[in-house]
Amino acid sequence: MPATEPDRAALRTKLIAARLALTDRLERAVQLQSALRVWLVGRRETSIGAYWPIKGEFDPLPALYRWTEGAPEGVTRRIGLPVADRDTRQLRFHVWYPGCPMELDAYNIPKPKDTEEFAPAILVVPCLGFGPGGVRLGYGGGFFDRTLASLTPRPVTVGVSFTHGFLPLLRSSPQDLPLDAMLTEDGVMWQRPDA
């Protein structure tokens, strides 16, 4: 049975505090960078949508930048960061690169300024918490779920979180879309066979 929204709100507060209190967060981040780079090896997709880390989230951008640098000759790989649309409460992804001009979005999160929009083939999704089978607990705004529901074709979704966020009894809400894979500093925690 899914948790009620007040239960989830309390759980989110607890998980954010626990993540910020991790004394070894930097070491965990280095390990998760490595896990993400290994997961990307051999993938054929050439575009990834990610996120700007907030509230102690894992920063995927260094691993993704290395992924772009390792592209085969003649192949261009792109990274995008989200731009939140306040009206639709969905995300659009715009090209990001180190040194890219940035500005704050409607929610005071940095976004690329005046770069090209594109539809990512892979979406790296931050997870505050996660459960079995691709269940994700985010901040409760529903941005990623609404965005995924609107994208055709749907990108491959890979959740990233530190292991402290594993919630074995977490169940999805009706509007939640399951992730295709879940990575932590310990490696691949779960992946759909065809992802």
Protein backbone atom coordinates (compact mmCIF):
# COMPACT_ATOMS: atom_id res chain seq x y z
CA MET A 1 0.00 0.00 0.00
CA PRO A 2 1.43 3.43 -0.91
CA ALA A 3 2.22 5.81 1.94
CA THR A 4 -0.06 8.81 2.41
CA GLU A 5 1.27 12.21 1.34
CA PRO A 6 1.77 13.43 4.97
CA ASP A 7 3.78 10.23 5.62
CA ARG A 8 5.83 10.87 2.49
CA ALA A 9 6.42 14.51 3.48
CA ALA A 10 7.81 13.40 6.86
CA LEU A 11 9.90 10.74 5.14
CA ARG A 12 11.31 13.31 2.70
CA THR A 13 12.32 15.61 5.56
CA LYS A 14 14.03 12.71 7.34
CA LEU A 15 15.87 11.54 4.19
CA ILE A 16 17.14 15.04 3.32
CA ALA A 17 18.48 15.48 6.87
CA ALA A 18 20.11 12.04 6.79
CA ARG A 19 21.73 12.74 3.41
CA LEU A 20 23.09 16.10 4.56
CA ALA A 21 24.46 14.42 7.71
CA LEU A 22 26.42 11.74 5.83
CA THR A 23 30.00 12.26 6.99
CA ASP A 24 31.33 10.25 4.05
CA ARG A 25 29.14 11.84 1.36
CA LEU A 26 32.16 12.88 -0.73
CA GLU A 27 33.56 9.33 -0.75
CA ARG A 28 30.13 7.95 -1.62
CA ALA A 29 29.84 10.49 -4.44
CA VAL A 30 33.18 9.38 -5.91
CA GLN A 31 32.00 5.75 -5.86
CA LEU A 32 28.65 6.67 -7.44
CA GLN A 33 30.49 8.69 -10.14
CA SER A 34 32.37 5.50 -10.96
CA ALA A 35 29.19 3.37 -10.94
CA LEU A 36 27.48 5.80 -13.34
CA ARG A 37 30.47 5.87 -15.70
CA VAL A 38 30.58 2.05 -15.76
CA TRP A 39 26.80 1.86 -16.37
CA LEU A 40 27.17 4.18 -19.37
CA VAL A 41 29.92 2.09 -21.00
CA GLY A 42 28.55 0.44 -24.12
CA ARG A 43 25.25 2.34 -24.15
CA ARG A 44 24.34 3.53 -27.63
CA GLU A 45 22.31 6.60 -26.66
CA THR A 46 23.93 9.95 -27.43
CA SER A 47 21.91 12.34 -25.27
CA ILE A 48 21.34 12.47 -21.53
CA GLY A 49 19.11 14.69 -19.47
CA ALA A 50 20.30 15.17 -15.90
CA TYR A 51 19.75 17.66 -13.09
CA TRP A 52 21.51 20.37 -11.10
CA PRO A 53 22.17 18.89 -7.62
CA ILE A 54 20.45 20.50 -4.63
CA LYS A 55 20.07 19.63 -0.93
CA GLY A 56 23.10 17.35 -0.82
CA GLU A 57 22.13 15.34 -3.92
CA PHE A 58 24.69 13.35 -5.84
CA ASP A 59 26.23 15.44 -8.64
CA PRO A 60 26.17 13.39 -11.88
CA LEU A 61 27.67 16.11 -14.08
CA PRO A 62 31.38 15.19 -13.77
CA ALA A 63 30.67 11.58 -14.81
CA LEU A 64 28.44 12.75 -17.66
CA TYR A 65 31.05 15.20 -18.91
CA ARG A 66 33.60 12.37 -19.00
CA TRP A 67 31.02 10.35 -20.97
CA THR A 68 30.86 13.12 -23.60
CA GLU A 69 34.65 13.20 -23.83
CA GLY A 70 34.76 9.45 -24.47
CA ALA A 71 32.49 9.55 -27.52
CA PRO A 72 33.68 7.55 -30.53
CA GLU A 73 35.07 9.60 -33.39
CA GLY A 74 32.29 11.27 -35.35
CA VAL A 75 29.73 10.88 -32.55
CA THR A 76 28.48 13.89 -30.59
CA ARG A 77 27.13 13.26 -27.12
CA ARG A 78 24.99 15.87 -25.39
CA ILE A 79 24.09 16.56 -21.77
CA GLY A 80 21.00 18.56 -20.89
CA LEU A 81 19.79 20.17 -17.71
CA PRO A 82 16.13 20.79 -16.95
CA VAL A 83 14.27 24.02 -17.37
CA ALA A 84 11.07 23.90 -15.33
CA ASP A 85 7.88 25.20 -16.90
CA ARG A 86 5.84 26.78 -14.11
CA ASP A 87 2.55 26.42 -16.05
CA THR A 88 2.76 22.77 -17.15
CA ARG A 89 5.01 21.73 -14.24
CA GLN A 90 7.08 19.71 -16.70
CA LEU A 91 10.75 19.83 -17.58
CA ARG A 92 12.40 20.69 -20.88
CA PHE A 93 16.06 19.84 -21.34
CA HIS A 94 18.60 22.32 -22.68
CA VAL A 95 22.21 21.65 -23.62
CA TRP A 96 24.70 22.04 -20.76
CA TYR A 97 28.50 21.96 -20.80
CA PRO A 98 31.14 23.09 -18.27
CA GLY A 99 31.28 26.87 -18.31
CA CYS A 100 27.86 27.12 -19.95
CA PRO A 101 26.11 30.44 -19.17
CA MET A 102 23.55 29.78 -16.43
CA GLU A 103 20.63 31.60 -14.84
CA LEU A 104 18.11 30.75 -12.12
CA ASP A 105 14.83 29.12 -13.12
CA ALA A 106 11.40 29.80 -11.61
CA TYR A 107 12.38 27.67 -8.59
CA ASN A 108 15.82 29.26 -8.04
CA ILE A 109 17.70 26.30 -9.48
CA PRO A 110 20.45 27.03 -12.05
CA LYS A 111 19.55 26.28 -15.66
CA PRO A 112 21.39 26.72 -18.98
CA LYS A 113 20.86 30.14 -20.52
CA ASP A 114 19.94 30.35 -24.21
CA THR A 115 21.10 26.87 -25.23
CA GLU A 116 19.36 24.44 -27.57
CA GLU A 117 16.45 22.33 -26.30
CA PHE A 118 16.42 18.59 -27.03
CA ALA A 119 14.66 15.38 -25.98
CA PRO A 120 17.11 13.15 -24.05
CA ALA A 121 17.40 9.43 -24.79
CA ILE A 122 18.52 8.73 -21.18
CA LEU A 123 17.27 10.57 -18.14
CA VAL A 124 19.37 10.54 -14.94
CA VAL A 125 16.85 11.01 -12.14
CA PRO A 126 17.72 12.09 -8.59
CA CYS A 127 16.13 9.91 -5.92
CA LEU A 128 15.60 11.06 -2.38
CA GLY A 129 14.53 7.51 -1.62
CA PHE A 130 14.01 4.36 -3.64
CA GLY A 131 12.39 0.97 -3.24
CA PRO A 132 12.29 -2.38 -4.99
CA GLY A 133 11.54 -2.64 -8.69
CA GLY A 134 12.30 0.95 -9.72
CA VAL A 135 10.10 2.76 -7.20
CA ARG A 136 11.34 6.32 -6.60
CA LEU A 137 10.64 8.91 -3.93
CA GLY A 138 11.35 12.46 -5.09
CA TYR A 139 10.56 15.82 -3.54
CA GLY A 140 6.84 15.50 -4.28
CA GLY A 141 6.48 18.05 -7.09
CA GLY A 142 5.84 15.41 -9.77
CA PHE A 143 8.04 17.15 -12.37
CA PHE A 144 9.89 14.03 -13.50
CA ASP A 145 6.74 11.88 -13.65
CA ARG A 146 4.79 14.47 -15.68
CA THR A 147 7.77 14.96 -17.98
CA LEU A 148 8.23 11.22 -18.54
CA ALA A 149 4.53 10.77 -19.25
CA SER A 150 4.77 13.43 -21.97
CA LEU A 151 7.94 12.25 -23.76
CA THR A 152 7.68 10.02 -26.82
CA PRO A 153 9.64 7.88 -27.08
CA ARG A 154 10.12 7.56 -23.35
CA PRO A 155 13.80 7.87 -22.41
CA VAL A 156 15.61 5.19 -20.44
CA THR A 157 15.44 6.32 -16.80
CA VAL A 158 18.26 5.67 -14.37
CA GLY A 159 17.81 6.73 -10.76
CA VAL A 160 20.79 7.76 -8.66
CA SER A 161 20.94 7.89 -4.87
CA PHE A 162 23.14 7.03 -1.96
CA THR A 163 22.30 3.69 -0.33
CA HIS A 164 20.91 5.36 2.78
CA GLY A 165 17.83 6.15 0.66
CA PHE A 166 16.82 2.50 0.19
CA LEU A 167 13.33 1.97 1.58
CA PRO A 168 12.43 -1.73 1.26
CA LEU A 169 8.74 -1.12 1.99
CA LEU A 170 8.31 1.87 -0.36
CA ARG A 171 5.47 1.38 -2.82
CA SER A 172 4.56 3.58 -5.75
CA SER A 173 1.69 6.03 -5.89
CA PRO A 174 -0.73 5.81 -8.85
CA GLN A 175 1.02 8.66 -10.73
CA ASP A 176 4.56 7.30 -10.16
CA LEU A 177 6.39 5.86 -13.15
CA PRO A 178 8.98 3.16 -12.35
CA LEU A 179 12.64 3.69 -13.16
CA ASP A 180 14.43 1.44 -15.64
CA ALA A 181 17.57 1.18 -13.48
CA MET A 182 18.77 2.28 -10.06
CA LEU A 183 22.40 3.09 -9.17
CA THR A 184 24.03 3.79 -5.83
CA GLU A 185 27.62 4.00 -4.66
CA ASP A 186 27.46 0.18 -4.43
CA GLY A 187 26.71 -0.14 -8.16
CA VAL A 188 23.57 -1.27 -10.01
CA MET A 189 20.89 -1.98 -7.41
CA TRP A 190 18.20 -2.87 -9.93
CA GLN A 191 17.70 -2.85 -13.68
CA ARG A 192 14.94 -3.95 -16.02
CA PRO A 193 16.30 -6.74 -18.23
CA ASP A 194 15.56 -4.84 -21.45
CA ALA A 195 16.83 -1.43 -20.24
